[in-house]
Amino acid sequence: MGIEVLLEVLEHACDLPLPARATHGSSGVDLMAAIHSPVGIDPGKRALIPTGLKVLIPLGYEWQIRPRSGNALKHGVTVLNSPGTIDSDYRGEVQIILANLGNEPFLVERGDRIAQAVLAPVAYPVFKTIEKVPYTERGDGGFGHSGK
């Protein structure tokens, strides 16, 4: 059973396929580059790539923007702020910050699958202050405190 997500397809993406899951068991949908001409991303650089989509995310959900594993493994290309978040009240075009962490220039062409989006529920916290957080065995150990 799916959750309805409404999309506005902008003029520069009208000929591109809608986001879709690659397989029945896929969590995310592929997002495509809605660019008019190729965009090169040199090693160590980043680029903002439009998708040509505006999305109406239902209240209580977010769209998590994640890298595509093939681009990450084969080319060292990732979504820079991964996972990126598209909030339920955002109404601008969905754009993807791609970063080239590889050793070779990476070329993005129109219609390339550049990222994936996963619709995820959001829990809204209600904060309350306390005098002191309780002790745990771990304590404040972090950043590799448990070894390899």
N, C-alpha and C. Protein backbone atom coordinates (compact mmCIF):
# COMPACT_ATOMS: atom_id res chain seq x y z
N MET A 1 0.84 -1.18 0.00
CA MET A 1 0.00 0.00 0.00
C MET A 1 0.89 1.24 0.00
N GLY A 2 0.63 2.14 -0.91
CA GLY A 2 1.45 3.34 -1.04
C GLY A 2 0.82 4.56 -0.39
N ILE A 3 1.62 5.57 -0.18
CA ILE A 3 1.18 6.86 0.34
C ILE A 3 1.24 7.84 -0.82
N GLU A 4 0.13 8.52 -1.07
CA GLU A 4 0.07 9.45 -2.19
C GLU A 4 0.98 10.64 -1.97
N VAL A 5 1.83 10.91 -2.96
CA VAL A 5 2.72 12.05 -2.97
C VAL A 5 2.47 12.80 -4.27
N LEU A 6 2.08 14.05 -4.16
CA LEU A 6 1.75 14.85 -5.34
C LEU A 6 3.00 15.56 -5.86
N LEU A 7 3.15 15.55 -7.18
CA LEU A 7 4.29 16.17 -7.85
C LEU A 7 3.84 17.23 -8.83
N GLU A 8 4.59 18.31 -8.90
CA GLU A 8 4.46 19.28 -9.99
C GLU A 8 5.70 19.09 -10.85
N VAL A 9 5.48 18.76 -12.11
CA VAL A 9 6.60 18.58 -13.04
C VAL A 9 6.82 19.90 -13.76
N LEU A 10 8.00 20.46 -13.58
CA LEU A 10 8.33 21.74 -14.18
C LEU A 10 8.65 21.55 -15.67
N GLU A 11 8.56 22.64 -16.41
CA GLU A 11 8.72 22.58 -17.86
C GLU A 11 10.03 21.92 -18.29
N HIS A 12 11.11 22.18 -17.57
CA HIS A 12 12.40 21.62 -17.98
C HIS A 12 12.55 20.14 -17.66
N ALA A 13 11.48 19.51 -17.12
CA ALA A 13 11.51 18.06 -16.85
C ALA A 13 10.32 17.33 -17.46
N CYS A 14 9.55 18.03 -18.29
CA CYS A 14 8.29 17.44 -18.77
C CYS A 14 8.48 16.18 -19.62
N ASP A 15 9.66 15.97 -20.19
CA ASP A 15 9.88 14.78 -21.01
C ASP A 15 10.60 13.66 -20.24
N LEU A 16 10.90 13.88 -18.96
CA LEU A 16 11.60 12.87 -18.16
C LEU A 16 10.58 11.99 -17.42
N PRO A 17 10.95 10.74 -17.16
CA PRO A 17 10.04 9.86 -16.41
C PRO A 17 9.84 10.36 -14.98
N LEU A 18 8.69 10.06 -14.42
CA LEU A 18 8.43 10.37 -13.01
C LEU A 18 9.32 9.51 -12.12
N PRO A 19 9.58 9.96 -10.89
CA PRO A 19 10.35 9.11 -9.98
C PRO A 19 9.67 7.75 -9.84
N ALA A 20 10.48 6.70 -9.80
CA ALA A 20 9.93 5.35 -9.72
C ALA A 20 10.91 4.44 -8.99
N ARG A 21 10.36 3.41 -8.36
CA ARG A 21 11.20 2.39 -7.73
C ARG A 21 11.73 1.48 -8.83
N ALA A 22 12.99 1.08 -8.70
CA ALA A 22 13.61 0.20 -9.71
C ALA A 22 13.05 -1.21 -9.63
N THR A 23 12.74 -1.67 -8.42
CA THR A 23 12.19 -3.01 -8.23
C THR A 23 11.05 -2.94 -7.22
N HIS A 24 10.29 -4.02 -7.13
CA HIS A 24 9.16 -4.07 -6.20
C HIS A 24 9.60 -3.84 -4.75
N GLY A 25 10.79 -4.30 -4.39
CA GLY A 25 11.28 -4.17 -3.02
C GLY A 25 12.12 -2.94 -2.75
N SER A 26 12.29 -2.08 -3.74
CA SER A 26 13.10 -0.87 -3.54
C SER A 26 12.45 0.07 -2.55
N SER A 27 13.25 0.63 -1.67
CA SER A 27 12.76 1.62 -0.70
C SER A 27 12.62 3.00 -1.32
N GLY A 28 13.56 3.33 -2.18
CA GLY A 28 13.60 4.67 -2.74
C GLY A 28 13.19 4.72 -4.19
N VAL A 29 12.96 5.94 -4.65
CA VAL A 29 12.67 6.20 -6.05
C VAL A 29 13.84 6.97 -6.65
N ASP A 30 14.13 6.70 -7.91
CA ASP A 30 15.24 7.39 -8.57
C ASP A 30 14.82 8.79 -8.99
N LEU A 31 15.74 9.74 -8.78
CA LEU A 31 15.55 11.11 -9.23
C LEU A 31 16.52 11.37 -10.38
N MET A 32 16.06 12.10 -11.37
CA MET A 32 16.84 12.32 -12.59
C MET A 32 17.27 13.77 -12.74
N ALA A 33 18.35 13.94 -13.47
CA ALA A 33 18.89 15.27 -13.75
C ALA A 33 18.05 15.95 -14.82
N ALA A 34 17.46 17.08 -14.47
CA ALA A 34 16.67 17.87 -15.43
C ALA A 34 17.50 19.07 -15.87
N ILE A 35 18.58 18.76 -16.58
CA ILE A 35 19.49 19.80 -17.05
C ILE A 35 19.41 19.85 -18.58
N HIS A 36 19.71 21.03 -19.14
CA HIS A 36 19.65 21.18 -20.59
C HIS A 36 20.94 20.77 -21.28
N SER A 37 22.06 20.95 -20.58
CA SER A 37 23.35 20.56 -21.15
C SER A 37 24.15 19.84 -20.06
N PRO A 38 25.11 19.01 -20.45
CA PRO A 38 25.89 18.25 -19.47
C PRO A 38 26.59 19.15 -18.45
N VAL A 39 26.71 18.62 -17.25
CA VAL A 39 27.41 19.32 -16.17
C VAL A 39 28.57 18.45 -15.72
N GLY A 40 29.78 18.98 -15.82
CA GLY A 40 30.96 18.26 -15.36
C GLY A 40 31.27 18.63 -13.92
N ILE A 41 31.60 17.61 -13.13
CA ILE A 41 32.00 17.85 -11.74
C ILE A 41 33.41 17.31 -11.58
N ASP A 42 34.36 18.20 -11.38
CA ASP A 42 35.75 17.80 -11.22
C ASP A 42 35.96 17.17 -9.85
N PRO A 43 37.01 16.37 -9.69
CA PRO A 43 37.31 15.78 -8.40
C PRO A 43 37.42 16.86 -7.31
N GLY A 44 36.80 16.59 -6.18
CA GLY A 44 36.82 17.54 -5.07
C GLY A 44 35.82 18.68 -5.19
N LYS A 45 35.04 18.70 -6.26
CA LYS A 45 34.07 19.79 -6.48
C LYS A 45 32.66 19.27 -6.30
N ARG A 46 31.70 20.19 -6.33
CA ARG A 46 30.29 19.86 -6.17
C ARG A 46 29.46 20.68 -7.15
N ALA A 47 28.23 20.21 -7.37
CA ALA A 47 27.31 20.92 -8.27
C ALA A 47 25.89 20.72 -7.78
N LEU A 48 25.06 21.72 -8.00
CA LEU A 48 23.64 21.65 -7.67
C LEU A 48 22.89 21.27 -8.94
N ILE A 49 22.25 20.11 -8.91
CA ILE A 49 21.60 19.57 -10.10
C ILE A 49 20.08 19.58 -9.89
N PRO A 50 19.33 20.28 -10.74
CA PRO A 50 17.88 20.32 -10.61
C PRO A 50 17.22 19.01 -11.06
N THR A 51 16.07 18.70 -10.46
CA THR A 51 15.30 17.53 -10.86
C THR A 51 14.07 17.89 -11.67
N GLY A 52 13.70 19.18 -11.67
CA GLY A 52 12.50 19.59 -12.39
C GLY A 52 11.21 19.20 -11.68
N LEU A 53 11.31 18.91 -10.38
CA LEU A 53 10.13 18.49 -9.61
C LEU A 53 9.92 19.37 -8.40
N LYS A 54 8.66 19.68 -8.15
CA LYS A 54 8.22 20.21 -6.86
C LYS A 54 7.34 19.12 -6.26
N VAL A 55 7.43 18.93 -4.97
CA VAL A 55 6.76 17.79 -4.35
C VAL A 55 5.96 18.24 -3.13
N LEU A 56 4.82 17.62 -2.95
CA LEU A 56 3.97 17.88 -1.79
C LEU A 56 4.07 16.66 -0.87
N ILE A 57 5.01 16.73 0.06
CA ILE A 57 5.22 15.65 1.02
C ILE A 57 4.13 15.73 2.08
N PRO A 58 3.46 14.62 2.38
CA PRO A 58 2.41 14.65 3.42
C PRO A 58 2.99 15.04 4.78
N LEU A 59 2.22 15.78 5.56
CA LEU A 59 2.60 16.15 6.92
C LEU A 59 2.91 14.87 7.70
N GLY A 60 3.99 14.89 8.45
CA GLY A 60 4.41 13.72 9.20
C GLY A 60 5.41 12.86 8.46
N TYR A 61 5.83 13.32 7.27
CA TYR A 61 6.82 12.59 6.46
C TYR A 61 7.88 13.55 5.97
N GLU A 62 8.98 12.99 5.50
CA GLU A 62 10.02 13.74 4.81
C GLU A 62 10.48 12.89 3.64
N TRP A 63 11.08 13.51 2.66
CA TRP A 63 11.75 12.80 1.58
C TRP A 63 13.22 12.85 1.90
N GLN A 64 13.84 11.71 2.14
CA GLN A 64 15.27 11.64 2.39
C GLN A 64 15.99 11.44 1.07
N ILE A 65 16.90 12.35 0.75
CA ILE A 65 17.64 12.29 -0.50
C ILE A 65 18.96 11.61 -0.23
N ARG A 66 19.20 10.52 -0.94
CA ARG A 66 20.37 9.68 -0.69
C ARG A 66 21.15 9.44 -1.97
N PRO A 67 22.44 9.09 -1.82
CA PRO A 67 23.25 8.78 -3.00
C PRO A 67 22.78 7.49 -3.67
N ARG A 68 23.14 7.32 -4.91
CA ARG A 68 22.95 6.05 -5.60
C ARG A 68 24.23 5.24 -5.39
N SER A 69 24.09 4.01 -4.96
CA SER A 69 25.26 3.21 -4.59
C SER A 69 26.20 2.98 -5.77
N GLY A 70 25.67 2.82 -6.96
CA GLY A 70 26.51 2.60 -8.14
C GLY A 70 27.40 3.81 -8.42
N ASN A 71 26.86 5.01 -8.35
CA ASN A 71 27.66 6.21 -8.56
C ASN A 71 28.72 6.35 -7.47
N ALA A 72 28.35 6.00 -6.24
CA ALA A 72 29.31 6.10 -5.14
C ALA A 72 30.47 5.13 -5.32
N LEU A 73 30.15 3.88 -5.64
CA LEU A 73 31.20 2.87 -5.78
C LEU A 73 32.05 3.07 -7.03
N LYS A 74 31.40 3.25 -8.16
CA LYS A 74 32.13 3.32 -9.43
C LYS A 74 32.84 4.65 -9.67
N HIS A 75 32.26 5.75 -9.15
CA HIS A 75 32.78 7.07 -9.50
C HIS A 75 33.15 7.94 -8.30
N GLY A 76 32.80 7.52 -7.09
CA GLY A 76 33.07 8.35 -5.92
C GLY A 76 32.15 9.55 -5.83
N VAL A 77 30.96 9.46 -6.46
CA VAL A 77 30.02 10.58 -6.47
C VAL A 77 28.93 10.31 -5.44
N THR A 78 28.66 11.31 -4.61
CA THR A 78 27.70 11.15 -3.52
C THR A 78 26.83 12.38 -3.41
N VAL A 79 25.78 12.28 -2.62
CA VAL A 79 24.95 13.42 -2.25
C VAL A 79 25.64 14.06 -1.05
N LEU A 80 26.02 15.32 -1.18
CA LEU A 80 26.90 15.95 -0.20
C LEU A 80 26.29 16.02 1.20
N ASN A 81 25.05 16.38 1.32
CA ASN A 81 24.43 16.50 2.64
C ASN A 81 23.57 15.28 2.95
N SER A 82 24.11 14.13 2.70
CA SER A 82 23.35 12.89 2.76
C SER A 82 23.09 12.45 4.20
N PRO A 83 21.86 12.08 4.54
CA PRO A 83 20.72 12.26 3.64
C PRO A 83 20.21 13.69 3.68
N GLY A 84 19.93 14.20 2.50
CA GLY A 84 19.27 15.50 2.42
C GLY A 84 17.81 15.32 2.84
N THR A 85 17.19 16.40 3.24
CA THR A 85 15.79 16.33 3.69
C THR A 85 14.94 17.30 2.90
N ILE A 86 13.85 16.78 2.35
CA ILE A 86 12.80 17.62 1.77
C ILE A 86 11.66 17.58 2.78
N ASP A 87 11.41 18.71 3.42
CA ASP A 87 10.37 18.81 4.44
C ASP A 87 8.99 18.92 3.83
N SER A 88 7.98 18.62 4.63
CA SER A 88 6.60 18.63 4.14
C SER A 88 6.13 20.03 3.75
N ASP A 89 6.78 21.09 4.25
CA ASP A 89 6.34 22.44 3.90
C ASP A 89 7.24 23.12 2.87
N TYR A 90 8.20 22.41 2.30
CA TYR A 90 9.06 22.98 1.25
C TYR A 90 8.30 22.94 -0.07
N ARG A 91 8.33 24.05 -0.81
CA ARG A 91 7.61 24.12 -2.07
C ARG A 91 8.48 24.51 -3.25
N GLY A 92 9.78 24.54 -3.08
CA GLY A 92 10.68 24.84 -4.19
C GLY A 92 11.02 23.59 -4.98
N GLU A 93 11.79 23.78 -6.03
CA GLU A 93 12.24 22.66 -6.84
C GLU A 93 13.21 21.79 -6.04
N VAL A 94 13.05 20.49 -6.15
CA VAL A 94 13.99 19.56 -5.54
C VAL A 94 15.28 19.60 -6.36
N GLN A 95 16.38 19.92 -5.69
CA GLN A 95 17.68 19.96 -6.33
C GLN A 95 18.65 19.13 -5.50
N ILE A 96 19.61 18.54 -6.16
CA ILE A 96 20.51 17.59 -5.53
C ILE A 96 21.93 18.16 -5.53
N ILE A 97 22.57 18.17 -4.36
CA ILE A 97 23.97 18.59 -4.27
C ILE A 97 24.83 17.34 -4.47
N LEU A 98 25.43 17.24 -5.64
CA LEU A 98 26.32 16.12 -5.92
C LEU A 98 27.76 16.55 -5.67
N ALA A 99 28.53 15.66 -5.03
CA ALA A 99 29.94 15.91 -4.78
C ALA A 99 30.76 14.79 -5.40
N ASN A 100 31.83 15.16 -6.06
CA ASN A 100 32.72 14.18 -6.69
C ASN A 100 33.91 13.95 -5.75
N LEU A 101 33.88 12.83 -5.04
CA LEU A 101 34.98 12.46 -4.15
C LEU A 101 35.95 11.51 -4.84
N GLY A 102 35.70 11.25 -6.12
CA GLY A 102 36.55 10.35 -6.89
C GLY A 102 37.78 11.05 -7.43
N ASN A 103 38.51 10.33 -8.28
CA ASN A 103 39.76 10.83 -8.86
C ASN A 103 39.62 11.35 -10.28
N GLU A 104 38.47 11.12 -10.89
CA GLU A 104 38.24 11.51 -12.28
C GLU A 104 37.05 12.46 -12.36
N PRO A 105 37.03 13.35 -13.37
CA PRO A 105 35.84 14.18 -13.57
C PRO A 105 34.61 13.30 -13.80
N PHE A 106 33.45 13.77 -13.35
CA PHE A 106 32.19 13.04 -13.50
C PHE A 106 31.25 13.91 -14.32
N LEU A 107 30.64 13.33 -15.34
CA LEU A 107 29.74 14.06 -16.22
C LEU A 107 28.30 13.66 -15.93
N VAL A 108 27.47 14.66 -15.62
CA VAL A 108 26.04 14.45 -15.42
C VAL A 108 25.33 14.88 -16.70
N GLU A 109 24.52 13.99 -17.24
CA GLU A 109 23.78 14.31 -18.46
C GLU A 109 22.28 14.29 -18.19
N ARG A 110 21.54 14.93 -19.05
CA ARG A 110 20.09 14.99 -18.91
C ARG A 110 19.51 13.58 -18.78
N GLY A 111 18.65 13.41 -17.78
CA GLY A 111 17.99 12.13 -17.56
C GLY A 111 18.79 11.13 -16.76
N ASP A 112 20.03 11.44 -16.41
CA ASP A 112 20.80 10.53 -15.56
C ASP A 112 20.12 10.39 -14.20
N ARG A 113 20.14 9.18 -13.67
CA ARG A 113 19.65 8.95 -12.31
C ARG A 113 20.75 9.40 -11.36
N ILE A 114 20.47 10.46 -10.60
CA ILE A 114 21.52 11.10 -9.81
C ILE A 114 21.40 10.87 -8.31
N ALA A 115 20.23 10.47 -7.84
CA ALA A 115 20.01 10.27 -6.41
C ALA A 115 18.76 9.42 -6.25
N GLN A 116 18.50 9.04 -5.02
CA GLN A 116 17.25 8.37 -4.73
C GLN A 116 16.57 9.07 -3.56
N ALA A 117 15.26 9.01 -3.53
CA ALA A 117 14.48 9.63 -2.47
C ALA A 117 13.67 8.56 -1.76
N VAL A 118 13.72 8.58 -0.44
CA VAL A 118 12.98 7.64 0.39
C VAL A 118 11.98 8.43 1.23
N LEU A 119 10.72 8.07 1.14
CA LEU A 119 9.69 8.69 1.96
C LEU A 119 9.75 8.06 3.34
N ALA A 120 9.95 8.89 4.37
CA ALA A 120 10.15 8.37 5.72
C ALA A 120 9.29 9.14 6.72
N PRO A 121 8.74 8.43 7.72
CA PRO A 121 7.97 9.12 8.76
C PRO A 121 8.88 9.96 9.64
N VAL A 122 8.31 11.03 10.18
CA VAL A 122 9.03 11.94 11.05
C VAL A 122 8.36 11.94 12.42
N ALA A 123 9.16 11.83 13.47
CA ALA A 123 8.66 11.98 14.84
C ALA A 123 8.97 13.41 15.27
N TYR A 124 7.98 14.11 15.77
CA TYR A 124 8.16 15.50 16.21
C TYR A 124 8.45 15.50 17.70
N PRO A 125 9.67 15.90 18.09
CA PRO A 125 10.01 15.87 19.51
C PRO A 125 9.35 17.00 20.29
N VAL A 126 9.07 16.71 21.54
CA VAL A 126 8.62 17.71 22.51
C VAL A 126 9.70 17.72 23.59
N PHE A 127 10.44 18.82 23.70
CA PHE A 127 11.57 18.87 24.59
C PHE A 127 11.16 19.29 25.99
N LYS A 128 11.84 18.70 26.96
CA LYS A 128 11.63 19.00 28.37
C LYS A 128 13.00 18.99 29.02
N THR A 129 13.31 19.97 29.82
CA THR A 129 14.61 19.99 30.48
C THR A 129 14.57 19.18 31.76
N ILE A 130 15.75 18.60 32.10
CA ILE A 130 15.91 17.86 33.36
C ILE A 130 17.21 18.35 34.00
N GLU A 131 17.41 18.04 35.27
CA GLU A 131 18.61 18.47 35.98
C GLU A 131 19.86 17.81 35.43
N LYS A 132 19.78 16.48 35.19
CA LYS A 132 20.95 15.74 34.76
C LYS A 132 20.49 14.49 34.04
N VAL A 133 21.15 14.17 32.90
CA VAL A 133 20.81 12.93 32.20
C VAL A 133 21.35 11.75 33.01
N PRO A 134 20.62 10.62 33.02
CA PRO A 134 21.07 9.48 33.81
C PRO A 134 22.32 8.83 33.22
N TYR A 135 23.09 8.20 34.08
CA TYR A 135 24.32 7.52 33.71
C TYR A 135 24.01 6.24 32.94
N THR A 136 24.87 5.90 31.97
CA THR A 136 24.84 4.60 31.29
C THR A 136 26.25 4.05 31.31
N GLU A 137 26.41 2.77 31.03
CA GLU A 137 27.73 2.16 30.99
C GLU A 137 28.62 2.84 29.94
N ARG A 138 28.03 3.23 28.83
CA ARG A 138 28.79 3.91 27.78
C ARG A 138 29.21 5.31 28.20
N GLY A 139 28.35 5.98 28.92
CA GLY A 139 28.66 7.35 29.33
C GLY A 139 28.77 8.28 28.15
N ASP A 140 29.83 9.10 28.13
CA ASP A 140 30.00 10.05 27.03
C ASP A 140 30.98 9.55 25.98
N GLY A 141 31.26 8.24 25.97
CA GLY A 141 32.17 7.66 24.98
C GLY A 141 31.57 7.74 23.58
N GLY A 142 32.34 8.20 22.65
CA GLY A 142 31.89 8.31 21.26
C GLY A 142 33.07 8.35 20.32
N PHE A 143 32.82 8.55 19.05
CA PHE A 143 33.85 8.70 18.04
C PHE A 143 34.89 7.58 18.09
N GLY A 144 34.41 6.33 18.04
CA GLY A 144 35.30 5.19 17.99
C GLY A 144 35.72 4.65 19.33
N HIS A 145 35.00 5.02 20.38
CA HIS A 145 35.40 4.60 21.72
C HIS A 145 35.38 3.08 21.92
N SER A 146 34.61 2.36 21.09
CA SER A 146 34.50 0.92 21.29
C SER A 146 35.53 0.13 20.45
N GLY A 147 36.39 0.82 19.77
CA GLY A 147 37.44 0.15 18.99
C GLY A 147 36.98 -0.10 17.57
N LYS A 148 37.78 -0.95 16.85
CA LYS A 148 37.47 -1.26 15.46
C LYS A 148 36.27 -2.15 15.33
